[in-house]
Amino acid sequence: MSGCGVRYNRQLHPDQQKWIKDNAAAFVKQQGITVGQANNELTAQADRQVQNGSAGAWNQSASAFLGQAHDMPPAGSSGHWPRVSFCRCPHVARSSISPINNISRGIIFMLSRIALSVIFVTASLTGCTILPQPTHYVSASHPEYDPAVSARIRVLSTNASGGAAFRPAQGCYKGLLETDDQIVKVNDGFWAAWKYSSKSETVGMPPSPRDYMRVESLKFKDLIREYIVPAEKPLTVLMSASGSAGNVYSSCRPPAVMFTPTAGQDYDVFMDGARRSCWIAVRHIDGHGMDEPVLMKVAPKCSNSAPVVQGD
């Protein structure tokens, strides 16, 4: 490793250094660079994310790759692995959560439940009747699925504030206010936020390794939707979460990402987070214990899309 890389390494925890070393080869394959370059880029970006004021320009590709480190063991490892995360600095607005300091895996959508929790507590203290949990519907179908040309994805979303969407066979995203005929929104439609219910839809995928992505364990207005999508073509994912309690408002919108599903394979797609940051996670699953992180890239804005403006 060059002197630059060594200098940055002194800012990192040994677990973080080891994760970079063990996973640099995957970043090499993703970016088409040398192992030395991969180590330097990942280490420099990790330093920016754990130490305010670190030198160098923000490397979004390296940041997205480091985002997969949370609770992720290196390929081929066994046993328990330390919780490794590279906290993104607060100045990265599109992937920072404020003012909540700690967020658990798979509980990002709890942001949207904060306000309702306040109502529940108030009702308890005043002797009022506690509100019932939202109704959760489940629809199971078995559409035609050809594993030679298609893959399946399971997306965790919510009918509360925030949610998820994806663009099958598309390697870019469009602005929030633009017409998008290719986008699939993972919720119950235009009035989803006003419904005190949610509906999950399944198409026969194996159970998720995450209990919070199983129908029987969904909370509040969370939902899962399973889809059959074109294989060997890029798929772009967009997610966001927000919530409020009194005068406190929290939100997080990570960068859109894209990955290429492999024919005949299954994937879990969800928002993950730690400390003051959030990111989109994609895991390759098989129903037999496999739960492998999938390499992703930050999705570009579509070339025929309107320029990005403030608030877009």
Protein backbone atom coordinates (compact mmCIF):
# COMPACT_ATOMS: atom_id res chain seq x y z
CA MET A 1 0.00 0.00 0.00
CA SER A 2 1.26 3.48 -0.81
CA GLY A 3 2.16 6.08 1.80
CA CYS A 4 -1.17 7.79 1.17
CA GLY A 5 -3.06 4.64 2.06
CA VAL A 6 -1.00 4.05 5.19
CA ARG A 7 -1.60 7.60 6.36
CA TYR A 8 -5.36 7.17 6.03
CA ASN A 9 -5.26 3.75 7.68
CA ARG A 10 -4.07 5.29 10.94
CA GLN A 11 -7.49 6.94 11.27
CA LEU A 12 -9.40 3.64 11.09
CA HIS A 13 -10.24 0.91 13.59
CA PRO A 14 -8.39 -2.40 12.96
CA ASP A 15 -11.72 -4.09 12.11
CA GLN A 16 -12.34 -1.46 9.44
CA GLN A 17 -8.85 -1.87 8.03
CA LYS A 18 -9.32 -5.63 7.87
CA TRP A 19 -12.70 -5.31 6.14
CA ILE A 20 -11.17 -3.12 3.43
CA LYS A 21 -8.31 -5.54 2.92
CA ASP A 22 -10.61 -8.58 2.76
CA ASN A 23 -13.09 -6.97 0.36
CA ALA A 24 -10.83 -4.90 -1.90
CA ALA A 25 -10.91 -7.60 -4.60
CA ALA A 26 -14.66 -7.13 -5.01
CA PHE A 27 -14.18 -3.39 -5.46
CA VAL A 28 -11.45 -4.12 -8.04
CA LYS A 29 -13.92 -6.20 -10.04
CA GLN A 30 -16.63 -3.55 -9.74
CA GLN A 31 -14.47 -0.59 -10.76
CA GLY A 32 -11.87 -2.18 -13.06
CA ILE A 33 -8.90 -0.86 -11.08
CA THR A 34 -5.86 -2.43 -9.40
CA VAL A 35 -5.81 -3.85 -5.87
CA GLY A 36 -3.55 -1.01 -4.76
CA GLN A 37 -5.91 1.60 -6.16
CA ALA A 38 -8.89 -0.15 -4.54
CA ASN A 39 -7.21 -0.19 -1.14
CA ASN A 40 -6.25 3.48 -1.44
CA GLU A 41 -9.69 4.64 -2.61
CA LEU A 42 -11.60 2.65 0.00
CA THR A 43 -9.26 3.64 2.81
CA ALA A 44 -9.29 7.33 1.86
CA GLN A 45 -13.09 7.37 1.62
CA ALA A 46 -13.47 5.45 4.88
CA ASP A 47 -11.31 8.06 6.57
CA ARG A 48 -13.55 10.84 5.23
CA GLN A 49 -16.59 9.06 6.64
CA VAL A 50 -15.22 8.48 10.13
CA GLN A 51 -13.19 11.68 10.52
CA ASN A 52 -14.58 15.14 9.80
CA GLY A 53 -12.25 17.42 7.89
CA SER A 54 -10.34 14.65 6.10
CA ALA A 55 -8.73 15.68 2.83
CA GLY A 56 -9.86 14.69 -0.64
CA ALA A 57 -13.04 14.74 -2.70
CA TRP A 58 -15.99 12.56 -1.70
CA ASN A 59 -15.89 9.24 -3.63
CA GLN A 60 -19.52 8.15 -4.00
CA SER A 61 -18.69 4.75 -5.55
CA ALA A 62 -16.37 3.90 -2.66
CA SER A 63 -18.93 5.23 -0.16
CA ALA A 64 -21.67 3.00 -1.59
CA PHE A 65 -19.34 -0.01 -1.44
CA LEU A 66 -18.36 0.75 2.16
CA GLY A 67 -22.07 0.99 2.99
CA GLN A 68 -22.27 -2.79 2.56
CA ALA A 69 -19.81 -3.30 5.43
CA HIS A 70 -22.44 -3.01 8.16
CA ASP A 71 -22.63 -6.44 9.83
CA MET A 72 -21.16 -8.07 6.73
CA PRO A 73 -18.54 -10.87 7.01
CA PRO A 74 -15.86 -11.25 4.34
CA ALA A 75 -16.49 -13.93 1.74
CA GLY A 76 -15.60 -17.37 3.06
CA SER A 77 -15.48 -16.39 6.73
CA SER A 78 -17.31 -18.25 9.48
CA GLY A 79 -18.50 -17.53 13.00
CA HIS A 80 -19.26 -14.11 14.42
CA TRP A 81 -17.96 -10.97 12.77
CA PRO A 82 -17.64 -7.55 14.43
CA ARG A 83 -20.23 -4.96 13.46
CA VAL A 84 -18.21 -2.94 10.96
CA SER A 85 -19.60 0.30 9.61
CA PHE A 86 -18.07 3.40 8.04
CA CYS A 87 -20.26 6.23 9.32
CA ARG A 88 -20.96 8.84 6.67
CA CYS A 89 -20.20 12.36 7.78
CA PRO A 90 -23.17 14.67 8.55
CA HIS A 91 -22.43 16.95 5.60
CA VAL A 92 -23.64 14.27 3.15
CA ALA A 93 -27.26 15.35 3.28
CA ARG A 94 -28.71 12.71 0.96
CA SER A 95 -27.54 9.86 3.20
CA SER A 96 -27.59 11.43 6.66
CA ILE A 97 -30.24 11.00 9.34
CA SER A 98 -30.90 13.84 11.74
CA PRO A 99 -31.44 14.16 14.66
CA ILE A 100 -31.69 10.45 15.51
CA ASN A 101 -28.25 9.10 16.45
CA ASN A 102 -28.80 5.34 16.38
CA ILE A 103 -30.79 3.26 13.93
CA SER A 104 -31.00 -0.53 13.93
CA ARG A 105 -30.81 -2.72 10.86
CA GLY A 106 -34.17 -3.21 9.23
CA ILE A 107 -35.86 -0.65 11.48
CA ILE A 108 -35.32 2.38 9.27
CA PHE A 109 -39.07 2.60 8.72
CA MET A 110 -39.50 3.18 12.46
CA LEU A 111 -38.88 6.84 11.63
CA SER A 112 -42.40 6.99 10.26
CA ARG A 113 -43.82 5.42 13.44
CA ILE A 114 -42.44 7.98 15.91
CA ALA A 115 -45.48 10.25 15.75
CA LEU A 116 -47.87 7.34 16.30
CA SER A 117 -45.81 6.16 19.28
CA VAL A 118 -46.29 9.57 20.87
CA ILE A 119 -50.06 9.19 20.41
CA PHE A 120 -49.98 5.74 22.03
CA VAL A 121 -48.05 7.03 25.07
CA THR A 122 -50.33 10.05 25.46
CA ALA A 123 -53.41 7.84 25.26
CA SER A 124 -52.01 5.55 27.95
CA LEU A 125 -51.26 8.42 30.34
CA THR A 126 -54.71 9.95 29.92
CA GLY A 127 -56.60 6.68 30.25
CA CYS A 128 -57.81 6.74 26.65
CA THR A 129 -58.20 3.58 24.61
CA ILE A 130 -54.99 2.52 22.85
CA LEU A 131 -55.32 2.61 19.08
CA PRO A 132 -55.35 -0.82 17.39
CA GLN A 133 -52.52 -1.90 15.13
CA PRO A 134 -53.09 -1.25 11.40
CA THR A 135 -54.69 -4.06 9.41
CA HIS A 136 -52.20 -6.05 7.37
CA TYR A 137 -53.43 -7.91 4.29
CA VAL A 138 -51.50 -10.58 2.40
CA SER A 139 -52.03 -11.66 -1.20
CA ALA A 140 -50.22 -14.75 -2.53
CA SER A 141 -49.99 -15.50 -6.25
CA HIS A 142 -47.99 -17.82 -8.47
CA PRO A 143 -47.40 -16.03 -11.77
CA GLU A 144 -45.42 -17.66 -14.55
CA TYR A 145 -41.74 -17.53 -13.68
CA ASP A 146 -39.02 -18.58 -16.11
CA PRO A 147 -35.72 -18.77 -14.17
CA ALA A 148 -33.81 -18.83 -17.46
CA VAL A 149 -34.66 -15.20 -18.21
CA SER A 150 -36.02 -13.76 -14.95
CA ALA A 151 -35.08 -13.18 -11.31
CA ARG A 152 -37.14 -12.38 -8.22
CA ILE A 153 -36.83 -9.54 -5.74
CA ARG A 154 -38.48 -8.92 -2.38
CA VAL A 155 -38.72 -5.25 -1.38
CA LEU A 156 -39.39 -3.97 2.14
CA SER A 157 -41.46 -0.79 2.06
CA THR A 158 -44.16 1.02 4.03
CA ASN A 159 -47.45 2.85 3.66
CA ALA A 160 -46.21 5.39 6.19
CA SER A 161 -43.92 8.32 5.35
CA GLY A 162 -41.23 7.34 2.87
CA GLY A 163 -41.16 4.09 0.95
CA ALA A 164 -39.49 2.32 -1.96
CA ALA A 165 -39.61 2.18 -5.74
CA PHE A 166 -37.60 0.54 -8.50
CA ARG A 167 -37.10 0.73 -12.26
CA PRO A 168 -36.75 -2.76 -13.83
CA ALA A 169 -34.37 -3.08 -16.77
CA GLN A 170 -33.31 0.55 -16.25
CA GLY A 171 -29.86 1.80 -15.22
CA CYS A 172 -30.80 5.34 -14.17
CA TYR A 173 -33.35 7.31 -12.17
CA LYS A 174 -35.60 10.29 -12.84
CA GLY A 175 -36.42 13.29 -10.69
CA LEU A 176 -39.28 13.22 -8.18
CA LEU A 177 -41.42 15.61 -10.21
CA GLU A 178 -40.83 13.98 -13.59
CA THR A 179 -43.16 11.59 -15.37
CA ASP A 180 -41.74 8.09 -15.14
CA ASP A 181 -43.55 5.30 -17.00
CA GLN A 182 -40.95 2.73 -15.96
CA ILE A 183 -41.08 3.12 -12.18
CA VAL A 184 -42.76 0.58 -9.88
CA LYS A 185 -43.82 2.12 -6.57
CA VAL A 186 -43.85 -0.32 -3.69
CA ASN A 187 -46.91 0.81 -1.72
CA ASP A 188 -50.71 0.76 -1.84
CA GLY A 189 -51.10 3.66 -4.24
CA PHE A 190 -51.66 7.40 -4.09
CA TRP A 191 -53.58 7.33 -0.79
CA ALA A 192 -51.19 4.85 0.89
CA ALA A 193 -50.03 7.28 3.58
CA TRP A 194 -53.63 7.92 4.63
CA LYS A 195 -54.61 4.26 4.91
CA TYR A 196 -54.42 2.62 8.32
CA SER A 197 -53.40 -0.65 6.70
CA SER A 198 -50.86 -2.25 4.40
CA LYS A 199 -50.88 -5.09 1.88
CA SER A 200 -48.07 -7.50 1.17
CA GLU A 201 -47.87 -9.51 -2.04
CA THR A 202 -45.86 -12.70 -2.54
CA VAL A 203 -44.98 -14.70 -5.66
CA GLY A 204 -43.34 -17.77 -4.12
CA MET A 205 -39.88 -16.57 -3.04
CA PRO A 206 -38.08 -18.48 -0.25
CA PRO A 207 -38.35 -16.96 3.26
CA SER A 208 -36.12 -14.00 4.02
CA PRO A 209 -33.18 -14.47 6.42
CA ARG A 210 -34.47 -11.28 8.08
CA ASP A 211 -37.47 -11.81 10.34
CA TYR A 212 -38.59 -8.22 9.76
CA MET A 213 -39.00 -9.07 6.06
CA ARG A 214 -41.37 -11.95 6.75
CA VAL A 215 -45.12 -11.43 6.61
CA GLU A 216 -45.72 -12.67 10.15
CA SER A 217 -43.19 -10.22 11.63
CA LEU A 218 -44.07 -6.99 9.83
CA LYS A 219 -44.72 -4.00 12.09
CA PHE A 220 -47.08 -1.04 11.86
CA LYS A 221 -47.70 -0.20 8.15
CA ASP A 222 -44.64 -2.02 6.78
CA LEU A 223 -45.15 -4.34 3.83
CA ILE A 224 -43.20 -6.62 1.55
CA ARG A 225 -43.74 -7.04 -2.16
CA GLU A 226 -42.22 -9.77 -4.30
CA TYR A 227 -41.68 -9.22 -8.01
CA ILE A 228 -40.48 -11.16 -11.04
CA VAL A 229 -38.03 -8.94 -12.92
CA PRO A 230 -35.92 -9.21 -16.09
CA ALA A 231 -32.56 -10.87 -15.45
CA GLU A 232 -29.15 -9.77 -16.73
CA LYS A 233 -30.38 -6.18 -17.05
CA PRO A 234 -29.72 -3.30 -14.62
CA LEU A 235 -32.38 -2.55 -12.01
CA THR A 236 -32.45 0.82 -10.23
CA VAL A 237 -33.73 1.14 -6.64
CA LEU A 238 -34.87 4.30 -4.83
CA MET A 239 -35.81 4.52 -1.13
CA SER A 240 -36.54 7.10 1.54
CA ALA A 241 -37.77 7.30 5.12
CA SER A 242 -39.12 10.11 7.27
CA GLY A 243 -40.99 10.67 10.49
CA SER A 244 -41.79 13.25 13.14
CA ALA A 245 -42.64 13.56 16.80
CA GLY A 246 -43.72 16.98 18.01
CA ASN A 247 -41.17 19.47 16.74
CA VAL A 248 -38.64 16.77 15.85
CA TYR A 249 -38.47 15.71 12.20
CA SER A 250 -36.12 13.05 10.83
CA SER A 251 -35.57 11.91 7.27
CA CYS A 252 -33.12 9.99 5.15
CA ARG A 253 -32.85 9.63 1.38
CA PRO A 254 -29.85 7.52 0.30
CA PRO A 255 -28.54 7.75 -3.27
CA ALA A 256 -30.37 5.60 -5.83
CA VAL A 257 -28.43 2.44 -6.64
CA MET A 258 -28.47 -0.13 -9.41
CA PHE A 259 -27.53 -3.79 -9.66
CA THR A 260 -27.94 -6.55 -12.23
CA PRO A 261 -30.06 -9.53 -11.12
CA THR A 262 -28.80 -12.95 -12.24
CA ALA A 263 -31.25 -15.29 -13.95
CA GLY A 264 -32.96 -17.71 -11.59
CA GLN A 265 -31.77 -15.95 -8.42
CA ASP A 266 -33.61 -14.29 -5.52
CA TYR A 267 -32.82 -11.00 -3.78
CA ASP A 268 -33.91 -9.07 -0.68
CA VAL A 269 -33.96 -5.27 -1.14
CA PHE A 270 -34.29 -2.99 1.90
CA MET A 271 -33.00 0.15 3.57
CA ASP A 272 -30.29 -0.36 6.16
CA GLY A 273 -28.70 2.10 8.52
CA ALA A 274 -26.42 2.80 11.45
CA ARG A 275 -25.71 5.87 13.57
CA ARG A 276 -26.59 8.90 11.44
CA SER A 277 -26.56 7.30 8.01
CA CYS A 278 -28.70 5.09 5.81
CA TRP A 279 -28.19 3.19 2.58
CA ILE A 280 -29.95 0.78 0.24
CA ALA A 281 -28.97 -2.86 0.75
CA VAL A 282 -29.42 -5.77 -1.65
CA ARG A 283 -28.81 -9.36 -0.53
CA HIS A 284 -28.62 -12.54 -2.60
CA ILE A 285 -30.68 -15.26 -0.84
CA ASP A 286 -31.67 -18.87 -1.51
CA GLY A 287 -33.82 -20.04 1.40
CA HIS A 288 -31.00 -22.27 2.70
CA GLY A 289 -29.03 -19.77 4.75
CA MET A 290 -27.34 -17.82 1.97
CA ASP A 291 -27.43 -14.08 2.59
CA GLU A 292 -24.73 -12.51 0.44
CA PRO A 293 -24.33 -8.77 -0.18
CA VAL A 294 -24.67 -7.78 -3.82
CA LEU A 295 -22.31 -5.37 -5.51
CA MET A 296 -24.10 -2.18 -6.52
CA LYS A 297 -23.28 1.10 -8.20
CA VAL A 298 -24.71 4.54 -7.59
CA ALA A 299 -27.33 5.05 -10.27
CA PRO A 300 -26.92 8.08 -12.56
CA LYS A 301 -29.72 10.46 -13.40
CA CYS A 302 -31.27 9.55 -16.76
CA SER A 303 -29.68 11.49 -19.62
CA ASN A 304 -33.06 12.56 -21.00
CA SER A 305 -34.16 13.69 -17.54
CA ALA A 306 -34.50 17.28 -16.39
CA PRO A 307 -31.48 18.78 -14.58
CA VAL A 308 -31.35 18.24 -10.82
CA VAL A 309 -32.62 21.28 -8.92
CA GLN A 310 -32.56 22.04 -5.21
CA GLY A 311 -34.98 19.79 -3.36
CA ASP A 312 -35.12 17.27 -6.23
